[in-house]
Amino acid sequence: MSVKKENKISGFHPFSTPVTHIVLPQKFTCPFHYTPHPLCIIASEEIQDYLSRQKQWEEELNKGKMFGVLVVRTETGRIGYLAAFSGILAGRNIHPYFVPPVYDLQQPQGFFKKEEANITALNERINILENDTHYLNIRQKISDINQKAGQILADAKDNLKKAKADRDVRRKNPLTEAEQADLLKESQFRKAEFRRLKQYWEKQIDAIQAETDRFTLQIETLKEERKNRSAALQQKLFEQFQLLNARGEIRNLCDIFKETVHKTPPAGAGECAAPKLLQYAYLNRLHPIAMAEFWWGNSPKTELRRHGYYYPACKGKCEPILKHMLQGLDVEDNLLPENTPDRYELEILYEDQWLLIVNKPAGMLSVPGKSSQASVCQLLQKHHPALTGLTTVHRLDMATSGLLLIAKTKDIHYHLQRQFKNRTIKKSYVAILDGNIDSDEGIIELPLCLDPWDRPRQIVSPEHGKPSVTRYRVVEHNANRTRIVFYPLTGRTHQLRVHAAHPLGLNTPILGDTLYGREAERLYLHAESLEFRHPVSHEIIRIEKKAEF
């Protein structure tokens, strides 16, 4: 009986921990919505143990980095895993423990390094020209002379106006023909003098400007060359990322991203952990079984990442790539189980002829989306077919439960929206935080904006973010959980979730927040109370619905 031998595959790690008792998943992991398989958790722990022993990387790892693990089966049936990191690690993108990049940008003799050196040389030439002493001096000189000429000509123009005003006064008195002729000559002479003065200074400025323009033309020419060479380099680079899928089909990044909204790949596309892992597995005839990604180290200043937490693949960079690379694998469904309107009975807490308030269940959309997921508007339309103008005045995240205000007409919607805009509508949310916090109450102010490459994730950005303010009050501490009430003073997307999780906020994510924290049975966030002035009766309406948790 012959036994098939298997060549050693670099980067393939057999499990150190016994795993034969663990049942393999029936389908491959959906990278955008998953619970880490037990094999992925064990593999991640082994990778983390390896990382903790790499003292030379300690400073780098403290800054934070995303790592990935891919559980695979060899052709002979052995189970093990591959490990990868996103981007580069400690200035290099090749380390023996991890799979290599899809394309090695750092090849010393590769086209990328060579052209990068050319672009660097252009940058240096531009920098030399922009900081040339003579260039800076003549720029200052032209600035000074423009200022001086401007002041002289402004004074001359004032004198012209004064002389004209004086002549106008003199013309009010009886004048002889000779006196009138003298006034005309004076006017013509002064105008001619002003033109000569203006031409003189224009000539002075033009002479210096010509010298400045010679430098400017050189700089702009070099910048245009840099722009063109950078664009060509980026295009050629993207073409080098020849990405496989389970069927053996190959597509490059340019081809993949031309079907997206942005049409071109973003910087860093193809360098995340997930594409590296799948590419290496396909190249080495390893069958992918399950995958997970985790963050190791401190959180970045803008994004929300927590040490040791698992995260889905990013949408902007990885979704188009993985959509191709997963072809040929039996993959878990991308979305949560679809909820059709028939499955829900919507609880209406208040209703009159102008508006209504419902208790939205967790897992239901506020308004119809691209999928067949149930939405509040769909369900209400089904039960109120005569009402064609139903419009949500505000929205709740799909995972958030609680009070949702809905207008029945455009006018009512307009008036209620104005109350939201003027911040006269009062709202409160109850949440359970995944940990304890020190303060019992306070205010959080963190400007938020969308991460365009990882929708719908929000980031904190002082430069581009919109003001967002939340007041909070702790209700109770229970073990390693905190029950808290949020009072949002603004209404930004994911405001409460980010304010809870961010290090500059409460630094404690809401329990069950899969975007900014970690998974649980649900997102423990509920819109508990709503207070507003009725647009017709002008009475204060206050509705409260306690959370089920």
Protein backbone atom coordinates (compact mmCIF):
# COMPACT_ATOMS: atom_id res chain seq x y z
CA MET A 1 0.00 0.00 0.00
CA SER A 2 1.47 3.33 -1.03
CA VAL A 3 1.04 6.50 1.01
CA LYS A 4 0.89 9.82 -0.80
CA LYS A 5 3.56 12.18 0.46
CA GLU A 6 2.92 15.82 0.77
CA ASN A 7 5.55 18.47 0.23
CA LYS A 8 6.01 20.89 3.09
CA ILE A 9 4.17 24.12 2.38
CA SER A 10 5.81 27.24 3.76
CA GLY A 11 3.40 29.21 5.94
CA PHE A 12 1.15 26.20 6.63
CA HIS A 13 0.78 25.72 10.39
CA PRO A 14 -0.59 22.49 11.87
CA PHE A 15 -2.61 23.13 15.03
CA SER A 16 -0.60 22.88 18.25
CA THR A 17 -3.87 22.33 20.11
CA PRO A 18 -5.81 19.06 19.50
CA VAL A 19 -8.73 19.90 17.16
CA THR A 20 -9.86 16.51 15.85
CA HIS A 21 -12.98 16.69 17.99
CA ILE A 22 -14.14 19.96 16.40
CA VAL A 23 -16.69 19.64 13.61
CA LEU A 24 -15.74 21.42 10.40
CA PRO A 25 -18.17 24.07 9.10
CA GLN A 26 -20.46 23.05 6.26
CA LYS A 27 -19.90 26.33 4.41
CA PHE A 28 -17.03 28.80 4.14
CA THR A 29 -17.17 31.96 6.25
CA CYS A 30 -18.94 35.00 4.88
CA PRO A 31 -16.19 37.58 5.51
CA PHE A 32 -18.66 40.45 5.99
CA HIS A 33 -20.86 38.91 8.65
CA TYR A 34 -19.66 35.99 10.74
CA THR A 35 -19.18 34.43 14.12
CA PRO A 36 -15.62 33.06 14.31
CA HIS A 37 -15.55 29.30 13.99
CA PRO A 38 -13.90 27.47 16.95
CA LEU A 39 -11.01 26.46 14.68
CA CYS A 40 -10.45 30.12 13.74
CA ILE A 41 -10.47 31.10 17.41
CA ILE A 42 -7.85 28.45 18.27
CA ALA A 43 -5.71 29.43 15.28
CA SER A 44 -6.01 33.13 16.20
CA GLU A 45 -4.91 32.36 19.76
CA GLU A 46 -1.86 30.52 18.44
CA ILE A 47 -1.02 33.47 16.17
CA GLN A 48 -1.48 35.87 19.08
CA ASP A 49 0.86 33.75 21.19
CA TYR A 50 3.45 33.99 18.40
CA LEU A 51 2.99 37.78 18.21
CA SER A 52 3.40 38.19 21.97
CA ARG A 53 6.85 36.55 21.71
CA GLN A 54 8.13 38.85 18.94
CA LYS A 55 9.82 41.50 21.06
CA GLN A 56 11.42 43.15 18.02
CA TRP A 57 7.93 44.05 16.78
CA GLU A 58 6.60 45.21 20.13
CA GLU A 59 6.58 48.94 19.28
CA GLU A 60 5.07 48.30 15.85
CA LEU A 61 2.38 45.98 17.20
CA ASN A 62 1.43 48.43 19.93
CA LYS A 63 0.33 50.84 17.19
CA GLY A 64 -2.24 48.26 16.09
CA LYS A 65 -2.63 46.04 13.03
CA MET A 66 -5.22 43.74 11.49
CA PHE A 67 -4.32 40.06 11.23
CA GLY A 68 -6.12 37.25 9.46
CA VAL A 69 -6.34 33.49 9.82
CA LEU A 70 -7.49 30.99 7.21
CA VAL A 71 -8.19 27.41 8.25
CA VAL A 72 -7.34 25.10 5.34
CA ARG A 73 -7.22 21.45 4.35
CA THR A 74 -4.33 20.04 2.33
CA GLU A 75 -4.70 17.62 -0.57
CA THR A 76 -3.96 14.74 1.83
CA GLY A 77 -6.64 15.88 4.29
CA ARG A 78 -4.44 17.57 6.93
CA ILE A 79 -6.09 20.50 8.76
CA GLY A 80 -4.05 23.57 9.60
CA TYR A 81 -4.07 27.31 9.10
CA LEU A 82 -2.41 30.22 7.33
CA ALA A 83 -1.70 33.60 8.91
CA ALA A 84 -1.47 37.05 7.32
CA PHE A 85 -1.27 40.72 8.21
CA SER A 86 -2.74 43.70 6.40
CA GLY A 87 -0.29 46.05 4.67
CA ILE A 88 3.29 45.79 5.88
CA LEU A 89 4.74 44.75 9.23
CA ALA A 90 7.89 46.32 10.68
CA GLY A 91 8.78 47.90 7.34
CA ARG A 92 8.55 44.60 5.43
CA ASN A 93 5.78 42.69 3.72
CA ILE A 94 7.47 39.26 3.82
CA HIS A 95 7.95 37.37 7.10
CA PRO A 96 8.42 33.58 7.27
CA TYR A 97 5.50 32.94 9.66
CA PHE A 98 2.99 34.71 7.42
CA VAL A 99 1.87 34.20 3.84
CA PRO A 100 3.51 36.49 1.26
CA PRO A 101 1.70 39.41 -0.39
CA VAL A 102 -0.22 38.92 -3.62
CA TYR A 103 2.42 41.13 -5.23
CA ASP A 104 5.66 42.15 -3.51
CA LEU A 105 5.99 45.92 -3.85
CA GLN A 106 9.35 45.86 -2.16
CA GLN A 107 11.26 43.78 -4.71
CA PRO A 108 14.55 45.73 -4.99
CA GLN A 109 14.81 45.22 -8.74
CA GLY A 110 11.09 45.35 -9.40
CA PHE A 111 9.46 48.03 -11.52
CA PHE A 112 7.68 49.54 -8.53
CA LYS A 113 10.85 50.28 -6.56
CA LYS A 114 12.61 51.62 -9.65
CA GLU A 115 9.77 53.93 -10.65
CA GLU A 116 9.21 54.92 -7.03
CA ALA A 117 12.86 56.04 -6.99
CA ASN A 118 12.23 58.12 -10.13
CA ILE A 119 9.20 59.78 -8.53
CA THR A 120 11.19 60.41 -5.36
CA ALA A 121 13.87 62.10 -7.48
CA LEU A 122 11.16 64.30 -9.04
CA ASN A 123 9.94 65.22 -5.56
CA GLU A 124 13.46 66.21 -4.58
CA ARG A 125 13.88 68.37 -7.70
CA ILE A 126 10.54 70.06 -7.02
CA ASN A 127 11.52 70.64 -3.40
CA ILE A 128 14.89 72.15 -4.44
CA LEU A 129 13.22 74.53 -6.88
CA GLU A 130 10.46 75.55 -4.45
CA ASN A 131 13.04 76.31 -1.78
CA ASP A 132 15.64 77.93 -4.06
CA THR A 133 16.94 81.10 -2.37
CA HIS A 134 16.77 83.18 -5.55
CA TYR A 135 13.23 81.94 -6.27
CA LEU A 136 12.07 82.75 -2.76
CA ASN A 137 13.74 86.18 -2.96
CA ILE A 138 12.08 87.13 -6.24
CA ARG A 139 8.72 85.86 -4.96
CA GLN A 140 9.15 88.12 -1.96
CA LYS A 141 10.33 90.93 -4.23
CA ILE A 142 7.29 90.64 -6.48
CA SER A 143 5.05 90.57 -3.42
CA ASP A 144 6.72 93.73 -2.08
CA ILE A 145 6.63 95.56 -5.41
CA ASN A 146 2.96 94.62 -5.95
CA GLN A 147 2.17 96.05 -2.55
CA LYS A 148 4.23 99.20 -3.19
CA ALA A 149 2.81 99.74 -6.68
CA GLY A 150 -0.69 99.15 -5.40
CA GLN A 151 -0.29 101.81 -2.71
CA ILE A 152 1.31 104.35 -5.11
CA LEU A 153 -1.39 103.86 -7.74
CA ALA A 154 -4.13 104.02 -5.10
CA ASP A 155 -2.73 107.37 -3.88
CA ALA A 156 -2.46 108.62 -7.47
CA LYS A 157 -6.06 107.62 -8.14
CA ASP A 158 -7.18 109.49 -5.00
CA ASN A 159 -5.34 112.58 -6.25
CA LEU A 160 -7.09 112.25 -9.60
CA LYS A 161 -10.46 112.18 -7.86
CA LYS A 162 -9.58 115.19 -5.69
CA ALA A 163 -8.36 117.18 -8.73
CA LYS A 164 -11.54 116.35 -10.60
CA ALA A 165 -13.65 117.38 -7.64
CA ASP A 166 -11.73 120.68 -7.51
CA ARG A 167 -12.29 121.28 -11.24
CA ASP A 168 -16.00 120.52 -10.84
CA VAL A 169 -16.23 123.18 -8.14
CA ARG A 170 -14.40 125.71 -10.34
CA ARG A 171 -16.70 124.95 -13.28
CA LYS A 172 -19.70 126.04 -11.22
CA ASN A 173 -18.41 129.63 -11.56
CA PRO A 174 -18.48 131.61 -14.82
CA LEU A 175 -15.30 130.76 -16.79
CA THR A 176 -13.72 132.19 -19.89
CA GLU A 177 -13.00 129.93 -22.85
CA ALA A 178 -9.32 130.05 -21.99
CA GLU A 179 -10.01 128.98 -18.39
CA GLN A 180 -12.22 126.10 -19.59
CA ALA A 181 -9.47 125.01 -21.99
CA ASP A 182 -6.95 125.07 -19.13
CA LEU A 183 -9.17 122.84 -17.01
CA LEU A 184 -9.51 120.36 -19.89
CA LYS A 185 -5.73 120.33 -20.43
CA GLU A 186 -5.20 119.78 -16.73
CA SER A 187 -7.62 116.84 -16.76
CA GLN A 188 -5.94 115.26 -19.78
CA PHE A 189 -2.47 115.83 -18.35
CA ARG A 190 -3.31 114.24 -15.00
CA LYS A 191 -4.92 111.23 -16.71
CA ALA A 192 -1.91 110.80 -18.97
CA GLU A 193 0.43 111.04 -15.97
CA PHE A 194 -1.59 108.34 -14.16
CA ARG A 195 -1.39 106.06 -17.25
CA ARG A 196 2.39 106.60 -17.48
CA LEU A 197 2.74 105.83 -13.77
CA LYS A 198 0.64 102.68 -14.13
CA GLN A 199 2.62 101.52 -17.18
CA TYR A 200 5.89 102.11 -15.33
CA TRP A 201 4.92 99.87 -12.43
CA GLU A 202 3.40 97.24 -14.71
CA LYS A 203 6.72 97.11 -16.58
CA GLN A 204 8.61 96.72 -13.28
CA ILE A 205 6.28 93.93 -12.15
CA ASP A 206 6.34 92.14 -15.54
CA ALA A 207 10.15 92.04 -15.49
CA ILE A 208 10.23 90.33 -12.11
CA GLN A 209 7.18 88.17 -12.92
CA ALA A 210 8.93 86.80 -16.01
CA GLU A 211 11.78 85.61 -13.84
CA THR A 212 9.32 84.07 -11.37
CA ASP A 213 7.42 82.38 -14.20
CA ARG A 214 10.59 80.61 -15.38
CA PHE A 215 10.81 78.89 -11.99
CA THR A 216 7.05 78.29 -11.83
CA LEU A 217 7.02 76.69 -15.28
CA GLN A 218 9.81 74.30 -14.27
CA ILE A 219 7.99 73.37 -11.05
CA GLU A 220 4.61 72.86 -12.75
CA THR A 221 6.21 70.79 -15.53
CA LEU A 222 7.86 68.53 -12.95
CA LYS A 223 4.62 68.24 -10.98
CA GLU A 224 2.71 67.25 -14.12
CA GLU A 225 5.35 64.63 -14.91
CA ARG A 226 5.11 63.35 -11.32
CA LYS A 227 1.32 63.15 -11.59
CA ASN A 228 1.45 61.22 -14.87
CA ARG A 229 4.18 58.85 -13.70
CA SER A 230 2.36 58.19 -10.41
CA ALA A 231 -0.90 57.43 -12.24
CA ALA A 232 0.91 55.12 -14.68
CA LEU A 233 2.73 53.39 -11.82
CA GLN A 234 -0.49 52.88 -9.89
CA GLN A 235 -2.18 51.45 -12.99
CA LYS A 236 0.71 49.07 -13.67
CA LEU A 237 0.79 48.08 -10.00
CA PHE A 238 -2.92 47.22 -9.94
CA GLU A 239 -2.42 45.09 -13.04
CA GLN A 240 0.17 43.00 -11.15
CA PHE A 241 -2.43 41.86 -8.64
CA GLN A 242 -3.57 38.77 -10.53
CA LEU A 243 -6.18 37.42 -8.13
CA LEU A 244 -7.39 33.83 -8.23
CA ASN A 245 -10.68 32.30 -7.16
CA ALA A 246 -11.62 28.73 -6.24
CA ARG A 247 -12.45 28.02 -9.90
CA GLY A 248 -8.93 28.97 -10.99
CA GLU A 249 -10.15 32.14 -12.72
CA ILE A 250 -7.87 35.19 -12.65
CA ARG A 251 -8.82 38.88 -12.58
CA ASN A 252 -6.63 41.89 -11.84
CA LEU A 253 -7.61 44.80 -9.60
CA CYS A 254 -8.39 47.16 -12.47
CA ASP A 255 -10.78 44.65 -13.97
CA ILE A 256 -12.44 43.97 -10.61
CA PHE A 257 -12.95 47.60 -9.59
CA LYS A 258 -14.18 48.92 -12.94
CA GLU A 259 -17.57 47.44 -11.96
CA THR A 260 -17.72 49.53 -8.77
CA VAL A 261 -19.00 53.07 -8.19
CA HIS A 262 -15.45 54.46 -7.90
CA LYS A 263 -14.30 52.58 -11.08
CA THR A 264 -10.67 52.49 -9.89
CA PRO A 265 -9.09 50.57 -7.00
CA PRO A 266 -8.30 52.52 -3.82
CA ALA A 267 -4.75 52.74 -2.50
CA GLY A 268 -3.82 49.57 -0.63
CA ALA A 269 -6.35 47.38 -2.45
CA GLY A 270 -5.28 43.74 -2.46
CA GLU A 271 -2.93 44.23 0.51
CA CYS A 272 -5.38 43.28 3.26
CA ALA A 273 -5.09 39.97 5.08
CA ALA A 274 -8.08 38.20 3.48
CA PRO A 275 -6.95 38.45 -0.19
CA LYS A 276 -3.41 37.40 0.80
CA LEU A 277 -4.73 34.30 2.58
CA LEU A 278 -7.04 33.14 -0.20
CA GLN A 279 -4.46 33.78 -2.93
CA TYR A 280 -1.83 31.72 -1.12
CA ALA A 281 -4.28 28.91 -0.44
CA TYR A 282 -5.30 28.67 -4.11
CA LEU A 283 -1.69 28.79 -5.33
CA ASN A 284 -0.76 25.92 -3.01
CA ARG A 285 -3.84 23.74 -3.58
CA LEU A 286 -5.13 24.29 -0.06
CA HIS A 287 -8.89 24.12 0.41
CA PRO A 288 -10.28 27.09 2.44
CA ILE A 289 -12.50 26.00 5.36
CA ALA A 290 -13.02 29.08 7.56
CA MET A 291 -11.59 32.56 7.98
CA ALA A 292 -11.48 35.33 10.58
CA GLU A 293 -9.69 38.66 11.10
CA PHE A 294 -8.71 40.22 14.40
CA TRP A 295 -7.15 43.48 15.55
CA TRP A 296 -3.97 43.43 17.62
CA GLY A 297 -2.72 46.51 19.47
CA ASN A 298 -4.01 50.01 20.11
CA SER A 299 -6.88 51.57 18.19
CA PRO A 300 -6.10 54.11 15.43
CA LYS A 301 -7.05 57.73 16.11
CA THR A 302 -9.93 57.77 13.65
CA GLU A 303 -11.17 54.18 13.31
CA LEU A 304 -12.54 52.09 16.14
CA ARG A 305 -10.60 48.86 16.60
CA ARG A 306 -10.21 46.99 19.87
CA HIS A 307 -7.37 44.73 20.85
CA GLY A 308 -8.20 41.05 20.29
CA TYR A 309 -11.64 41.67 18.75
CA TYR A 310 -12.75 40.00 15.52
CA TYR A 311 -13.87 42.18 12.61
CA PRO A 312 -15.54 41.72 9.22
CA ALA A 313 -13.62 42.47 6.03
CA CYS A 314 -13.71 46.10 4.93
CA LYS A 315 -16.32 46.97 2.32
CA GLY A 316 -14.50 49.50 0.12
CA LYS A 317 -11.22 47.69 -0.49
CA CYS A 318 -12.10 44.05 0.07
CA GLU A 319 -15.73 43.48 -0.91
CA PRO A 320 -15.19 43.69 -4.70
CA ILE A 321 -12.01 41.59 -4.42
CA LEU A 322 -13.54 38.89 -2.22
CA LYS A 323 -16.67 38.78 -4.35
CA HIS A 324 -14.38 37.46 -7.09
CA MET A 325 -12.04 35.36 -4.92
CA LEU A 326 -14.85 33.44 -3.21
CA GLN A 327 -16.34 32.27 -6.51
CA GLY A 328 -16.31 28.48 -6.47
CA LEU A 329 -16.62 28.16 -2.68
CA ASP A 330 -19.85 27.31 -0.88
CA VAL A 331 -20.11 30.48 1.25
CA GLU A 332 -22.45 31.31 4.12
CA ASP A 333 -25.15 33.86 3.43
CA ASN A 334 -23.93 37.46 3.51
CA LEU A 335 -26.89 38.82 5.38
CA LEU A 336 -28.69 37.96 8.54
CA PRO A 337 -31.67 35.65 7.95
CA GLU A 338 -34.08 37.54 5.78
CA ASN A 339 -37.11 38.87 7.56
CA THR A 340 -40.18 39.37 5.50
CA PRO A 341 -42.98 41.67 6.65
CA ASP A 342 -45.21 38.65 7.22
CA ARG A 343 -43.02 37.53 10.12
CA TYR A 344 -43.63 40.65 12.20
CA GLU A 345 -46.46 42.24 14.08
CA LEU A 346 -45.56 45.88 14.52
CA GLU A 347 -46.50 47.41 17.90
CA ILE A 348 -48.11 50.83 17.43
CA LEU A 349 -47.79 52.89 20.63
CA TYR A 350 -49.49 56.09 19.45
CA GLU A 351 -51.57 57.01 16.43
CA ASP A 352 -53.83 59.82 15.27
CA GLN A 353 -54.80 61.13 11.84
CA TRP A 354 -51.46 62.94 11.40
CA LEU A 355 -48.74 60.70 12.80
CA LEU A 356 -47.91 57.49 14.57
CA ILE A 357 -45.18 56.04 16.79
CA VAL A 358 -44.12 52.39 16.56
CA ASN A 359 -41.83 50.15 18.54
CA LYS A 360 -39.33 48.92 15.92
CA PRO A 361 -37.94 45.46 16.62
CA ALA A 362 -34.19 44.85 16.47
CA GLY A 363 -33.25 43.44 13.06
CA MET A 364 -35.83 45.43 11.10
CA LEU A 365 -34.98 48.26 8.73
CA SER A 366 -36.61 51.65 9.22
CA VAL A 367 -37.11 52.13 5.46
CA PRO A 368 -36.85 49.65 2.57
CA GLY A 369 -33.31 48.80 1.52
CA LYS A 370 -31.76 46.98 -1.43
CA SER A 371 -32.53 43.54 0.00
CA SER A 372 -35.83 41.92 0.87
CA GLN A 373 -35.30 42.67 4.57
CA ALA A 374 -38.45 43.76 6.32
CA SER A 375 -38.90 47.47 7.00
CA VAL A 376 -41.24 49.49 9.21
CA CYS A 377 -42.57 51.41 6.22
CA GLN A 378 -43.36 48.21 4.30
CA LEU A 379 -45.21 46.72 7.22
CA LEU A 380 -47.20 49.87 7.92
CA GLN A 381 -48.07 50.25 4.25
CA LYS A 382 -49.41 46.72 4.29
CA HIS A 383 -51.71 47.47 7.21
CA HIS A 384 -52.56 51.02 6.03
CA PRO A 385 -52.89 50.65 2.22
CA ALA A 386 -54.83 53.90 1.97
CA LEU A 387 -51.96 55.90 3.47
CA THR A 388 -49.54 56.61 0.64
CA GLY A 389 -47.61 59.39 2.35
CA LEU A 390 -46.12 57.47 5.31
CA THR A 391 -42.60 58.78 5.95
CA THR A 392 -40.19 58.15 8.81
CA VAL A 393 -39.18 61.43 10.47
CA HIS A 394 -35.90 59.90 11.67
CA ARG A 395 -34.24 56.49 11.45
CA LEU A 396 -32.92 53.79 13.72
CA ASP A 397 -30.12 51.38 12.77
CA MET A 398 -31.45 47.98 11.76
CA ALA A 399 -29.92 46.41 14.88
CA THR A 400 -31.42 49.07 17.19
CA SER A 401 -34.90 48.61 18.64
CA GLY A 402 -37.32 51.21 19.94
CA LEU A 403 -39.45 54.23 19.19
CA LEU A 404 -39.78 55.44 15.63
CA LEU A 405 -41.78 58.53 14.69
CA ILE A 406 -43.69 58.44 11.39
CA ALA A 407 -45.56 61.20 9.62
CA LYS A 408 -48.67 60.55 7.52
CA THR A 409 -48.41 63.68 5.36
CA LYS A 410 -45.67 65.84 3.86
CA ASP A 411 -46.68 68.86 5.96
CA ILE A 412 -46.52 66.91 9.21
CA HIS A 413 -43.18 65.43 8.17
CA TYR A 414 -41.85 68.93 7.48
CA HIS A 415 -42.93 70.29 10.88
CA LEU A 416 -41.53 67.31 12.78
CA GLN A 417 -38.27 67.47 10.84
CA ARG A 418 -37.91 71.12 11.83
CA GLN A 419 -38.19 70.09 15.47
CA PHE A 420 -35.38 67.60 14.96
CA LYS A 421 -33.31 70.22 13.18
CA ASN A 422 -33.91 72.75 15.96
CA ARG A 423 -33.15 70.06 18.57
CA THR A 424 -36.44 70.55 20.37
CA ILE A 425 -37.34 66.85 20.14
CA LYS A 426 -36.04 64.98 23.17
CA LYS A 427 -34.89 61.37 22.84
CA SER A 428 -33.35 58.88 25.20
CA TYR A 429 -31.77 55.51 24.52
CA VAL A 430 -30.96 52.76 26.96
CA ALA A 431 -27.92 50.58 26.31
CA ILE A 432 -25.77 47.96 27.96
CA LEU A 433 -22.04 48.55 27.63
CA ASP A 434 -19.61 45.66 27.29
CA GLY A 435 -17.61 46.63 30.38
CA ASN A 436 -17.50 49.17 33.20
CA ILE A 437 -16.86 52.91 32.97
CA ASP A 438 -15.55 55.25 35.65
CA SER A 439 -17.83 58.28 35.28
CA ASP A 440 -21.54 58.24 36.15
CA GLU A 441 -22.55 61.04 33.80
CA GLY A 442 -21.10 63.45 31.29
CA ILE A 443 -21.08 64.76 27.74
CA ILE A 444 -19.27 63.32 24.72
CA GLU A 445 -18.35 65.52 21.74
CA LEU A 446 -16.69 63.76 18.82
CA PRO A 447 -17.04 64.90 15.17
CA LEU A 448 -18.14 62.03 12.93
CA CYS A 449 -18.09 61.26 9.24
CA LEU A 450 -18.46 58.22 6.99
CA ASP A 451 -15.48 56.03 6.18
CA PRO A 452 -15.91 56.04 2.37
CA TRP A 453 -13.96 52.79 1.96
CA ASP A 454 -15.75 50.86 4.69
CA ARG A 455 -19.43 51.78 4.64
CA PRO A 456 -21.39 52.12 6.90
CA ARG A 457 -18.58 52.44 9.46
CA GLN A 458 -18.14 55.95 10.87
CA ILE A 459 -14.84 57.54 11.88
CA VAL A 460 -13.87 60.41 14.17
CA SER A 461 -12.44 63.25 12.10
CA PRO A 462 -11.81 66.79 13.43
CA GLU A 463 -11.18 67.91 9.82
CA HIS A 464 -14.16 66.39 8.00
CA GLY A 465 -16.54 65.24 10.73
CA LYS A 466 -19.85 66.88 11.62
CA PRO A 467 -20.38 67.96 15.24
CA SER A 468 -21.98 65.23 17.33
CA VAL A 469 -22.90 65.56 20.99
CA THR A 470 -24.25 62.99 23.44
CA ARG A 471 -25.16 63.35 27.12
CA TYR A 472 -25.15 60.16 29.21
CA ARG A 473 -26.10 58.87 32.66
CA VAL A 474 -25.15 55.51 34.19
CA VAL A 475 -28.08 53.57 35.64
CA GLU A 476 -26.29 50.58 37.14
CA HIS A 477 -23.20 48.38 37.08
CA ASN A 478 -23.72 44.64 36.95
CA ALA A 479 -20.64 42.38 36.90
CA ASN A 480 -18.68 43.55 33.82
CA ARG A 481 -21.64 45.37 32.26
CA THR A 482 -22.91 48.93 32.52
CA ARG A 483 -26.52 49.94 31.96
CA ILE A 484 -26.60 53.48 30.64
CA VAL A 485 -29.02 56.06 29.26
CA PHE A 486 -27.94 58.19 26.28
CA TYR A 487 -29.46 61.58 25.44
CA PRO A 488 -28.30 62.44 21.91
CA LEU A 489 -28.22 66.19 21.25
CA THR A 490 -27.40 65.59 17.57
CA GLY A 491 -28.48 62.80 15.27
CA ARG A 492 -25.46 61.46 13.36
CA THR A 493 -25.24 57.96 11.92
CA HIS A 494 -23.94 55.48 14.55
CA GLN A 495 -23.43 58.41 16.94
CA LEU A 496 -24.17 56.50 20.16
CA ARG A 497 -22.25 53.42 19.04
CA VAL A 498 -19.11 55.39 18.19
CA HIS A 499 -19.34 57.66 21.25
CA ALA A 500 -19.55 54.58 23.44
CA ALA A 501 -16.71 52.65 21.82
CA HIS A 502 -14.16 55.35 20.93
CA PRO A 503 -11.16 55.84 23.27
CA LEU A 504 -11.99 59.56 23.43
CA GLY A 505 -15.59 58.70 24.34
CA LEU A 506 -16.51 56.03 26.89
CA ASN A 507 -13.96 53.56 25.48
CA THR A 508 -16.50 50.79 26.12
CA PRO A 509 -18.57 49.54 23.17
CA ILE A 510 -22.24 48.70 23.35
CA LEU A 511 -22.76 44.99 23.89
CA GLY A 512 -23.46 43.22 20.61
CA ASP A 513 -22.02 45.98 18.41
CA THR A 514 -20.42 43.98 15.61
CA LEU A 515 -18.98 47.08 13.91
CA TYR A 516 -17.28 48.76 16.88
CA GLY A 517 -17.26 46.01 19.50
CA ARG A 518 -18.03 42.31 19.46
CA GLU A 519 -20.96 40.08 18.71
CA ALA A 520 -23.70 39.10 21.17
CA GLU A 521 -27.30 37.88 20.89
CA ARG A 522 -28.28 41.35 19.65
CA LEU A 523 -27.21 44.98 19.78
CA TYR A 524 -28.16 46.11 23.26
CA LEU A 525 -29.37 49.56 22.25
CA HIS A 526 -33.01 50.65 22.49
CA ALA A 527 -34.73 53.98 21.74
CA GLU A 528 -36.68 54.22 24.99
CA SER A 529 -38.43 57.60 25.04
CA LEU A 530 -39.53 60.32 22.66
CA GLU A 531 -40.90 63.77 23.48
CA PHE A 532 -42.07 66.37 20.95
CA ARG A 533 -44.69 69.03 20.28
CA HIS A 534 -47.63 67.85 18.18
CA PRO A 535 -47.60 69.82 14.88
CA VAL A 536 -51.41 70.31 14.93
CA SER A 537 -52.62 70.29 18.53
CA HIS A 538 -49.33 71.80 19.82
CA GLU A 539 -49.56 69.53 22.85
CA ILE A 540 -46.41 67.93 24.27
CA ILE A 541 -46.43 64.23 23.40
CA ARG A 542 -44.21 61.91 25.44
CA ILE A 543 -44.03 58.19 24.71
CA GLU A 544 -41.91 55.64 26.53
CA LYS A 545 -41.27 51.97 25.82
CA LYS A 546 -38.98 50.04 28.13
CA ALA A 547 -36.32 47.81 26.60
CA GLU A 548 -36.79 44.05 26.64
CA PHE A 549 -33.28 43.62 28.05
